[in-house]
Amino acid sequence: MNLKIITLLTLCFMSCTKTDQTKTLTITSFPKAIELKGSVVYTSCRLLNPTRLCIWDDKLILYDHTNDFLFKAFRLPGLEYLDSYGTIGNGPDEFQNIDENYLVTTGRYLEVTDRGKLKRLTFQNDKLSIGQEITLPVLESPLNRLQRLNDTLYMIDNLPTDASCEHNLISMNSNRINKKFGQYPEDGLVFNSNVEKFQAYRKYDVSKPGGEKIAVFYNYFNKFKIYDVPGELFRTITLNDIARNEYDTGRPEENPV
């Protein structure tokens, strides 16, 4: 199956109709999609259950969810194997329960979360190691969908039972929520509970490298939002039916985007 890539930047500045001078855009047509083709590359490193990967400078880091080494490093672009690191255990250089949904590169570090700790891996002399450990703050809200903004500021999704906002800003050096922000969309829908509303507006959050902006994509609705890092709404972007049909991939009607 061919994969299609449409960048957020292109979406924001091509084929858009302004409905509000600063806050709202409606996308009426997608730019032409780019076809992404893959090829098979063989490596001397044993891969058992790879689940996540990320690009870190000139390296590809692969998270291999096994009882063997958890992280494998390769040099780009030729995928030269460099190192394997990280085993399961309770030792100082071991990992207990990594959240495989959070692998973030910061330039200096590769960040992962592991049983109440934020662990920052370094890469020196072609070897991975843990360079820094930070105890995650204990809050009234669990750290759902942790998203890094800078070295100390992070974003999490709000509790499903609290419909007053969608997101929280937190600091790694404080056990309190810095700011609650993000109002649920007003689509005229009626929900039986706050949890039902939370489930209907399931979302995927991503931050821009450098932390200047946060994008929130809704799974079941043809819209997404962009926030400034202080948590102020920068723009709401809606895909109208024309744009949606251009990118129709056979998803059911209740999940058009």
C-alpha atoms as a PDB file:
ATOM      1  CA  MET A   1       0.000   0.000   0.000  1.00  0.00           C
ATOM      2  CA  ASN A   2       1.332   3.401  -0.945  1.00  0.00           C
ATOM      3  CA  LEU A   3       1.701   5.848   1.924  1.00  0.00           C
ATOM      4  CA  LYS A   4       0.726   9.467   1.400  1.00  0.00           C
ATOM      5  CA  ILE A   5       2.374  12.331   3.217  1.00  0.00           C
ATOM      6  CA  ILE A   6       0.824  15.765   3.627  1.00  0.00           C
ATOM      7  CA  THR A   7       2.758  18.151   5.811  1.00  0.00           C
ATOM      8  CA  LEU A   8       1.144  20.351   8.408  1.00  0.00           C
ATOM      9  CA  LEU A   9       2.876  23.408   6.987  1.00  0.00           C
ATOM     10  CA  THR A  10       1.425  22.797   3.538  1.00  0.00           C
ATOM     11  CA  LEU A  11      -2.026  22.302   5.003  1.00  0.00           C
ATOM     12  CA  CYS A  12      -1.832  25.624   6.780  1.00  0.00           C
ATOM     13  CA  PHE A  13      -0.797  27.715   3.791  1.00  0.00           C
ATOM     14  CA  MET A  14      -2.214  26.005   0.702  1.00  0.00           C
ATOM     15  CA  SER A  15      -5.835  25.700  -0.400  1.00  0.00           C
ATOM     16  CA  CYS A  16      -7.234  27.402   2.709  1.00  0.00           C
ATOM     17  CA  THR A  17     -10.205  29.712   3.155  1.00  0.00           C
ATOM     18  CA  LYS A  18     -10.173  32.088   6.125  1.00  0.00           C
ATOM     19  CA  THR A  19     -13.423  32.254   8.113  1.00  0.00           C
ATOM     20  CA  ASP A  20     -11.877  34.265  10.951  1.00  0.00           C
ATOM     21  CA  GLN A  21      -8.960  36.636  10.633  1.00  0.00           C
ATOM     22  CA  THR A  22      -6.756  34.852  13.154  1.00  0.00           C
ATOM     23  CA  LYS A  23      -8.411  31.774  14.616  1.00  0.00           C
ATOM     24  CA  THR A  24     -10.142  29.669  11.948  1.00  0.00           C
ATOM     25  CA  LEU A  25      -9.225  28.199   8.591  1.00  0.00           C
ATOM     26  CA  THR A  26     -11.190  25.881   6.319  1.00  0.00           C
ATOM     27  CA  ILE A  27      -9.240  23.639   3.968  1.00  0.00           C
ATOM     28  CA  THR A  28     -11.084  23.155   0.682  1.00  0.00           C
ATOM     29  CA  SER A  29      -8.502  21.111  -1.223  1.00  0.00           C
ATOM     30  CA  PHE A  30      -5.405  19.103  -0.468  1.00  0.00           C
ATOM     31  CA  PRO A  31      -2.134  19.592  -2.348  1.00  0.00           C
ATOM     32  CA  LYS A  32      -1.000  16.669  -4.440  1.00  0.00           C
ATOM     33  CA  ALA A  33       0.125  13.829  -2.199  1.00  0.00           C
ATOM     34  CA  ILE A  34       3.680  12.508  -2.307  1.00  0.00           C
ATOM     35  CA  GLU A  35       4.163   8.803  -2.895  1.00  0.00           C
ATOM     36  CA  LEU A  36       6.537   7.200  -0.424  1.00  0.00           C
ATOM     37  CA  LYS A  37       8.245   3.996  -1.531  1.00  0.00           C
ATOM     38  CA  GLY A  38      10.195   1.676   0.731  1.00  0.00           C
ATOM     39  CA  SER A  39      13.013  -0.797   0.200  1.00  0.00           C
ATOM     40  CA  VAL A  40      14.341  -3.758   2.173  1.00  0.00           C
ATOM     41  CA  VAL A  41      17.630  -3.318   4.044  1.00  0.00           C
ATOM     42  CA  TYR A  42      19.316  -6.226   5.824  1.00  0.00           C
ATOM     43  CA  THR A  43      21.233  -5.722   9.044  1.00  0.00           C
ATOM     44  CA  SER A  44      23.515  -7.871  11.171  1.00  0.00           C
ATOM     45  CA  CYS A  45      21.555  -6.820  14.263  1.00  0.00           C
ATOM     46  CA  ARG A  46      18.795  -9.180  15.411  1.00  0.00           C
ATOM     47  CA  LEU A  47      15.383  -7.479  15.460  1.00  0.00           C
ATOM     48  CA  LEU A  48      12.662  -9.376  17.324  1.00  0.00           C
ATOM     49  CA  ASN A  49       9.714  -7.063  17.991  1.00  0.00           C
ATOM     50  CA  PRO A  50      10.388  -3.516  16.738  1.00  0.00           C
ATOM     51  CA  THR A  51       7.525  -1.206  17.682  1.00  0.00           C
ATOM     52  CA  ARG A  52       8.860   2.378  17.481  1.00  0.00           C
ATOM     53  CA  LEU A  53      11.633   4.264  15.717  1.00  0.00           C
ATOM     54  CA  CYS A  54      12.885   7.826  15.581  1.00  0.00           C
ATOM     55  CA  ILE A  55      15.559   9.874  13.822  1.00  0.00           C
ATOM     56  CA  TRP A  56      18.225  11.362  16.102  1.00  0.00           C
ATOM     57  CA  ASP A  57      20.666  13.561  14.181  1.00  0.00           C
ATOM     58  CA  ASP A  58      22.377  11.126  11.782  1.00  0.00           C
ATOM     59  CA  LYS A  59      21.109   8.023  13.588  1.00  0.00           C
ATOM     60  CA  LEU A  60      18.046   5.832  13.489  1.00  0.00           C
ATOM     61  CA  ILE A  61      17.013   4.587  16.945  1.00  0.00           C
ATOM     62  CA  LEU A  62      14.711   1.583  17.044  1.00  0.00           C
ATOM     63  CA  TYR A  63      12.796   0.435  20.113  1.00  0.00           C
ATOM     64  CA  ASP A  64      12.668  -3.367  20.105  1.00  0.00           C
ATOM     65  CA  HIS A  65      10.138  -4.531  22.708  1.00  0.00           C
ATOM     66  CA  THR A  66      11.819  -7.773  23.790  1.00  0.00           C
ATOM     67  CA  ASN A  67      13.705  -9.325  26.697  1.00  0.00           C
ATOM     68  CA  ASP A  68      16.856  -8.673  24.681  1.00  0.00           C
ATOM     69  CA  PHE A  69      18.327  -5.185  24.234  1.00  0.00           C
ATOM     70  CA  LEU A  70      15.550  -2.608  23.972  1.00  0.00           C
ATOM     71  CA  PHE A  71      17.267   0.021  21.821  1.00  0.00           C
ATOM     72  CA  LYS A  72      19.172  -0.472  18.576  1.00  0.00           C
ATOM     73  CA  ALA A  73      21.120   2.333  16.918  1.00  0.00           C
ATOM     74  CA  PHE A  74      21.999   2.627  13.224  1.00  0.00           C
ATOM     75  CA  ARG A  75      23.959   5.224  11.267  1.00  0.00           C
ATOM     76  CA  LEU A  76      22.087   6.982   8.471  1.00  0.00           C
ATOM     77  CA  PRO A  77      21.750   6.918   5.544  1.00  0.00           C
ATOM     78  CA  GLY A  78      23.265   3.457   5.068  1.00  0.00           C
ATOM     79  CA  LEU A  79      21.772   1.911   8.244  1.00  0.00           C
ATOM     80  CA  GLU A  80      25.159   0.826   9.558  1.00  0.00           C
ATOM     81  CA  TYR A  81      24.581  -0.976  12.865  1.00  0.00           C
ATOM     82  CA  LEU A  82      26.184   0.860  15.808  1.00  0.00           C
ATOM     83  CA  ASP A  83      24.947  -0.321  19.190  1.00  0.00           C
ATOM     84  CA  SER A  84      22.341  -2.182  21.259  1.00  0.00           C
ATOM     85  CA  TYR A  85      21.459  -0.947  24.717  1.00  0.00           C
ATOM     86  CA  GLY A  86      19.007  -1.339  27.577  1.00  0.00           C
ATOM     87  CA  THR A  87      17.758  -4.480  29.268  1.00  0.00           C
ATOM     88  CA  ILE A  88      14.751  -5.117  31.507  1.00  0.00           C
ATOM     89  CA  GLY A  89      15.494  -5.076  35.232  1.00  0.00           C
ATOM     90  CA  ASN A  90      15.791  -2.957  38.364  1.00  0.00           C
ATOM     91  CA  GLY A  91      19.448  -1.968  38.016  1.00  0.00           C
ATOM     92  CA  PRO A  92      20.750   1.578  37.483  1.00  0.00           C
ATOM     93  CA  ASP A  93      21.175   1.086  33.721  1.00  0.00           C
ATOM     94  CA  GLU A  94      18.061  -1.039  33.224  1.00  0.00           C
ATOM     95  CA  PHE A  95      14.424  -0.359  32.406  1.00  0.00           C
ATOM     96  CA  GLN A  96      11.250  -1.660  34.032  1.00  0.00           C
ATOM     97  CA  ASN A  97       8.295  -0.576  31.900  1.00  0.00           C
ATOM     98  CA  ILE A  98       8.949   1.868  29.055  1.00  0.00           C
ATOM     99  CA  ASP A  99       6.002   3.725  27.556  1.00  0.00           C
ATOM    100  CA  GLU A 100       6.581   2.896  23.912  1.00  0.00           C
ATOM    101  CA  ASN A 101       4.366   5.818  22.847  1.00  0.00           C
ATOM    102  CA  TYR A 102       6.904   8.314  24.173  1.00  0.00           C
ATOM    103  CA  LEU A 103      10.268   8.294  22.391  1.00  0.00           C
ATOM    104  CA  VAL A 104      11.367  11.886  21.824  1.00  0.00           C
ATOM    105  CA  THR A 105      14.656  13.284  20.561  1.00  0.00           C
ATOM    106  CA  THR A 106      15.743  16.695  21.873  1.00  0.00           C
ATOM    107  CA  GLY A 107      19.079  17.160  20.111  1.00  0.00           C
ATOM    108  CA  ARG A 108      21.166  16.270  23.160  1.00  0.00           C
ATOM    109  CA  TYR A 109      18.979  13.431  24.410  1.00  0.00           C
ATOM    110  CA  LEU A 110      16.590  10.668  23.528  1.00  0.00           C
ATOM    111  CA  GLU A 111      13.808  10.849  26.121  1.00  0.00           C
ATOM    112  CA  VAL A 112      11.771   7.878  27.350  1.00  0.00           C
ATOM    113  CA  THR A 113       9.478   7.406  30.349  1.00  0.00           C
ATOM    114  CA  ASP A 114       9.943   4.396  32.595  1.00  0.00           C
ATOM    115  CA  ARG A 115       7.939   3.682  35.765  1.00  0.00           C
ATOM    116  CA  GLY A 116       7.645   7.190  37.147  1.00  0.00           C
ATOM    117  CA  LYS A 117      10.914   8.466  35.710  1.00  0.00           C
ATOM    118  CA  LEU A 118      11.903  10.477  32.679  1.00  0.00           C
ATOM    119  CA  LYS A 119      15.151   8.976  31.371  1.00  0.00           C
ATOM    120  CA  ARG A 120      17.344  10.885  28.951  1.00  0.00           C
ATOM    121  CA  LEU A 121      19.676   8.755  26.879  1.00  0.00           C
ATOM    122  CA  THR A 122      22.884  10.120  25.417  1.00  0.00           C
ATOM    123  CA  PHE A 123      24.946   8.870  22.486  1.00  0.00           C
ATOM    124  CA  GLN A 124      28.730   9.163  22.769  1.00  0.00           C
ATOM    125  CA  ASN A 125      31.451   7.284  20.927  1.00  0.00           C
ATOM    126  CA  ASP A 126      28.755   5.344  19.050  1.00  0.00           C
ATOM    127  CA  LYS A 127      27.322   4.042  22.340  1.00  0.00           C
ATOM    128  CA  LEU A 128      23.978   4.642  24.068  1.00  0.00           C
ATOM    129  CA  SER A 129      23.754   5.250  27.814  1.00  0.00           C
ATOM    130  CA  ILE A 130      21.478   6.914  30.376  1.00  0.00           C
ATOM    131  CA  GLY A 131      22.712  10.465  30.871  1.00  0.00           C
ATOM    132  CA  GLN A 132      20.018  11.830  33.164  1.00  0.00           C
ATOM    133  CA  GLU A 133      17.039  10.642  35.214  1.00  0.00           C
ATOM    134  CA  ILE A 134      14.200  12.874  36.418  1.00  0.00           C
ATOM    135  CA  THR A 135      11.395  11.750  38.711  1.00  0.00           C
ATOM    136  CA  LEU A 136       8.069  12.519  37.058  1.00  0.00           C
ATOM    137  CA  PRO A 137       5.785  14.844  39.032  1.00  0.00           C
ATOM    138  CA  VAL A 138       2.922  13.308  41.003  1.00  0.00           C
ATOM    139  CA  LEU A 139      -0.267  15.137  39.992  1.00  0.00           C
ATOM    140  CA  GLU A 140      -3.996  14.877  40.492  1.00  0.00           C
ATOM    141  CA  SER A 141      -4.153  13.907  36.822  1.00  0.00           C
ATOM    142  CA  PRO A 142      -2.228  10.955  35.345  1.00  0.00           C
ATOM    143  CA  LEU A 143       0.401  11.793  32.743  1.00  0.00           C
ATOM    144  CA  ASN A 144      -1.765  10.895  29.753  1.00  0.00           C
ATOM    145  CA  ARG A 145      -0.104  11.428  26.357  1.00  0.00           C
ATOM    146  CA  LEU A 146       2.947  13.242  27.660  1.00  0.00           C
ATOM    147  CA  GLN A 147       4.237  15.740  25.099  1.00  0.00           C
ATOM    148  CA  ARG A 148       7.578  17.549  25.437  1.00  0.00           C
ATOM    149  CA  LEU A 149       7.678  21.292  24.765  1.00  0.00           C
ATOM    150  CA  ASN A 150      11.105  22.181  26.205  1.00  0.00           C
ATOM    151  CA  ASP A 151      13.524  20.927  28.865  1.00  0.00           C
ATOM    152  CA  THR A 152      11.106  21.575  31.719  1.00  0.00           C
ATOM    153  CA  LEU A 153       7.664  22.266  30.211  1.00  0.00           C
ATOM    154  CA  TYR A 154       5.401  19.414  29.079  1.00  0.00           C
ATOM    155  CA  MET A 155       1.788  18.907  28.057  1.00  0.00           C
ATOM    156  CA  ILE A 156      -0.638  16.150  29.083  1.00  0.00           C
ATOM    157  CA  ASP A 157      -4.277  15.422  28.276  1.00  0.00           C
ATOM    158  CA  ASN A 158      -6.769  16.291  30.980  1.00  0.00           C
ATOM    159  CA  LEU A 159      -8.771  13.739  32.969  1.00  0.00           C
ATOM    160  CA  PRO A 160     -11.642  12.091  31.044  1.00  0.00           C
ATOM    161  CA  THR A 161     -13.997  13.027  33.893  1.00  0.00           C
ATOM    162  CA  ASP A 162     -13.192  16.762  33.634  1.00  0.00           C
ATOM    163  CA  ALA A 163     -14.849  18.449  30.655  1.00  0.00           C
ATOM    164  CA  SER A 164     -13.673  21.949  31.588  1.00  0.00           C
ATOM    165  CA  CYS A 165     -10.619  21.656  29.312  1.00  0.00           C
ATOM    166  CA  GLU A 166      -8.716  19.195  27.148  1.00  0.00           C
ATOM    167  CA  HIS A 167      -5.075  19.722  28.156  1.00  0.00           C
ATOM    168  CA  ASN A 168      -2.747  20.636  31.017  1.00  0.00           C
ATOM    169  CA  LEU A 169       0.672  22.264  31.013  1.00  0.00           C
ATOM    170  CA  ILE A 170       3.036  20.819  33.628  1.00  0.00           C
ATOM    171  CA  SER A 171       6.614  21.349  34.734  1.00  0.00           C
ATOM    172  CA  MET A 172       9.099  18.617  35.549  1.00  0.00           C
ATOM    173  CA  ASN A 173      10.166  20.457  38.704  1.00  0.00           C
ATOM    174  CA  SER A 174       6.707  20.993  40.189  1.00  0.00           C
ATOM    175  CA  ASN A 175       3.947  18.743  41.524  1.00  0.00           C
ATOM    176  CA  ARG A 176       1.186  21.007  40.320  1.00  0.00           C
ATOM    177  CA  ILE A 177      -0.534  21.779  37.039  1.00  0.00           C
ATOM    178  CA  ASN A 178       0.766  25.042  35.574  1.00  0.00           C
ATOM    179  CA  LYS A 179      -2.216  25.748  33.351  1.00  0.00           C
ATOM    180  CA  LYS A 180      -5.389  24.120  32.054  1.00  0.00           C
ATOM    181  CA  PHE A 181      -6.247  24.996  28.461  1.00  0.00           C
ATOM    182  CA  GLY A 182      -8.116  23.937  25.327  1.00  0.00           C
ATOM    183  CA  GLN A 183     -11.903  23.947  25.063  1.00  0.00           C
ATOM    184  CA  TYR A 184     -13.736  21.000  23.550  1.00  0.00           C
ATOM    185  CA  PRO A 185     -15.163  21.689  20.065  1.00  0.00           C
ATOM    186  CA  GLU A 186     -18.743  22.935  19.929  1.00  0.00           C
ATOM    187  CA  ASP A 187     -20.353  20.645  17.356  1.00  0.00           C
ATOM    188  CA  GLY A 188     -23.866  20.538  18.810  1.00  0.00           C
ATOM    189  CA  LEU A 189     -23.416  16.965  20.019  1.00  0.00           C
ATOM    190  CA  VAL A 190     -25.031  15.714  23.219  1.00  0.00           C
ATOM    191  CA  PHE A 191     -23.167  13.329  25.521  1.00  0.00           C
ATOM    192  CA  ASN A 192     -24.393  11.303  28.485  1.00  0.00           C
ATOM    193  CA  SER A 193     -21.209  11.872  30.488  1.00  0.00           C
ATOM    194  CA  ASN A 194     -17.853  13.638  30.433  1.00  0.00           C
ATOM    195  CA  VAL A 195     -16.124  10.323  29.772  1.00  0.00           C
ATOM    196  CA  GLU A 196     -18.300   9.773  26.694  1.00  0.00           C
ATOM    197  CA  LYS A 197     -17.343  13.239  25.477  1.00  0.00           C
ATOM    198  CA  PHE A 198     -13.648  12.514  26.083  1.00  0.00           C
ATOM    199  CA  GLN A 199     -13.915   9.288  24.098  1.00  0.00           C
ATOM    200  CA  ALA A 200     -15.720  10.975  21.210  1.00  0.00           C
ATOM    201  CA  TYR A 201     -12.988  13.611  20.940  1.00  0.00           C
ATOM    202  CA  ARG A 202     -10.055  11.232  21.018  1.00  0.00           C
ATOM    203  CA  LYS A 203      -7.021  12.966  19.689  1.00  0.00           C
ATOM    204  CA  TYR A 204      -3.365  12.746  18.683  1.00  0.00           C
ATOM    205  CA  ASP A 205      -1.077  15.456  20.054  1.00  0.00           C
ATOM    206  CA  VAL A 206       2.237  16.507  18.574  1.00  0.00           C
ATOM    207  CA  SER A 207       4.599  19.395  19.347  1.00  0.00           C
ATOM    208  CA  LYS A 208       6.727  21.264  16.857  1.00  0.00           C
ATOM    209  CA  PRO A 209      10.478  20.705  17.327  1.00  0.00           C
ATOM    210  CA  GLY A 210      11.654  23.629  19.399  1.00  0.00           C
ATOM    211  CA  GLY A 211       8.352  23.753  21.252  1.00  0.00           C
ATOM    212  CA  GLU A 212       6.793  26.825  19.638  1.00  0.00           C
ATOM    213  CA  LYS A 213       3.505  25.183  18.668  1.00  0.00           C
ATOM    214  CA  ILE A 214       1.269  22.245  19.634  1.00  0.00           C
ATOM    215  CA  ALA A 215      -1.039  20.508  17.140  1.00  0.00           C
ATOM    216  CA  VAL A 216      -4.051  18.451  18.242  1.00  0.00           C
ATOM    217  CA  PHE A 217      -5.632  16.149  15.625  1.00  0.00           C
ATOM    218  CA  TYR A 218      -9.075  14.674  16.357  1.00  0.00           C
ATOM    219  CA  ASN A 219      -9.510  11.029  15.385  1.00  0.00           C
ATOM    220  CA  TYR A 220     -13.195  11.120  14.503  1.00  0.00           C
ATOM    221  CA  PHE A 221     -13.767  14.685  13.348  1.00  0.00           C
ATOM    222  CA  ASN A 222     -12.480  16.565  10.317  1.00  0.00           C
ATOM    223  CA  LYS A 223     -10.621  19.256  12.221  1.00  0.00           C
ATOM    224  CA  PHE A 224      -7.458  19.965  14.180  1.00  0.00           C
ATOM    225  CA  LYS A 225      -6.182  22.775  16.393  1.00  0.00           C
ATOM    226  CA  ILE A 226      -2.869  24.558  16.765  1.00  0.00           C
ATOM    227  CA  TYR A 227      -1.875  26.168  20.078  1.00  0.00           C
ATOM    228  CA  ASP A 228       0.943  28.467  21.097  1.00  0.00           C
ATOM    229  CA  VAL A 229       3.076  26.969  23.853  1.00  0.00           C
ATOM    230  CA  PRO A 230       1.485  29.158  26.570  1.00  0.00           C
ATOM    231  CA  GLY A 231      -1.711  27.263  25.734  1.00  0.00           C
ATOM    232  CA  GLU A 232      -3.404  29.998  23.697  1.00  0.00           C
ATOM    233  CA  LEU A 233      -5.390  28.870  20.661  1.00  0.00           C
ATOM    234  CA  PHE A 234      -3.551  29.908  17.513  1.00  0.00           C
ATOM    235  CA  ARG A 235      -5.859  28.369  14.915  1.00  0.00           C
ATOM    236  CA  THR A 236      -8.647  25.835  14.349  1.00  0.00           C
ATOM    237  CA  ILE A 237      -8.456  24.147  10.945  1.00  0.00           C
ATOM    238  CA  THR A 238     -11.442  22.337   9.433  1.00  0.00           C
ATOM    239  CA  LEU A 239     -11.463  20.081   6.388  1.00  0.00           C
ATOM    240  CA  ASN A 240     -14.630  20.505   4.380  1.00  0.00           C
ATOM    241  CA  ASP A 241     -16.290  17.645   2.503  1.00  0.00           C
ATOM    242  CA  ILE A 242     -14.423  18.361  -0.745  1.00  0.00           C
ATOM    243  CA  ALA A 243     -11.011  18.077   0.897  1.00  0.00           C
ATOM    244  CA  ARG A 244     -12.150  15.080   2.915  1.00  0.00           C
ATOM    245  CA  ASN A 245     -13.358  13.213  -0.176  1.00  0.00           C
ATOM    246  CA  GLU A 246     -10.096  13.920  -2.007  1.00  0.00           C
ATOM    247  CA  TYR A 247      -8.263  12.054   0.741  1.00  0.00           C
ATOM    248  CA  ASP A 248     -10.863   9.333   1.285  1.00  0.00           C
ATOM    249  CA  THR A 249      -9.147   6.026   2.054  1.00  0.00           C
ATOM    250  CA  GLY A 250     -12.239   3.956   2.742  1.00  0.00           C
ATOM    251  CA  ARG A 251     -12.557   4.742   6.422  1.00  0.00           C
ATOM    252  CA  PRO A 252     -16.066   4.434   7.887  1.00  0.00           C
ATOM    253  CA  GLU A 253     -18.259   7.529   7.892  1.00  0.00           C
ATOM    254  CA  GLU A 254     -17.866   8.060  11.649  1.00  0.00           C
ATOM    255  CA  ASN A 255     -14.091   8.390  11.188  1.00  0.00           C
ATOM    256  CA  PRO A 256     -13.750  10.493   8.024  1.00  0.00           C
ATOM    257  CA  VAL A 257     -10.291  11.975   8.649  1.00  0.00           C
END
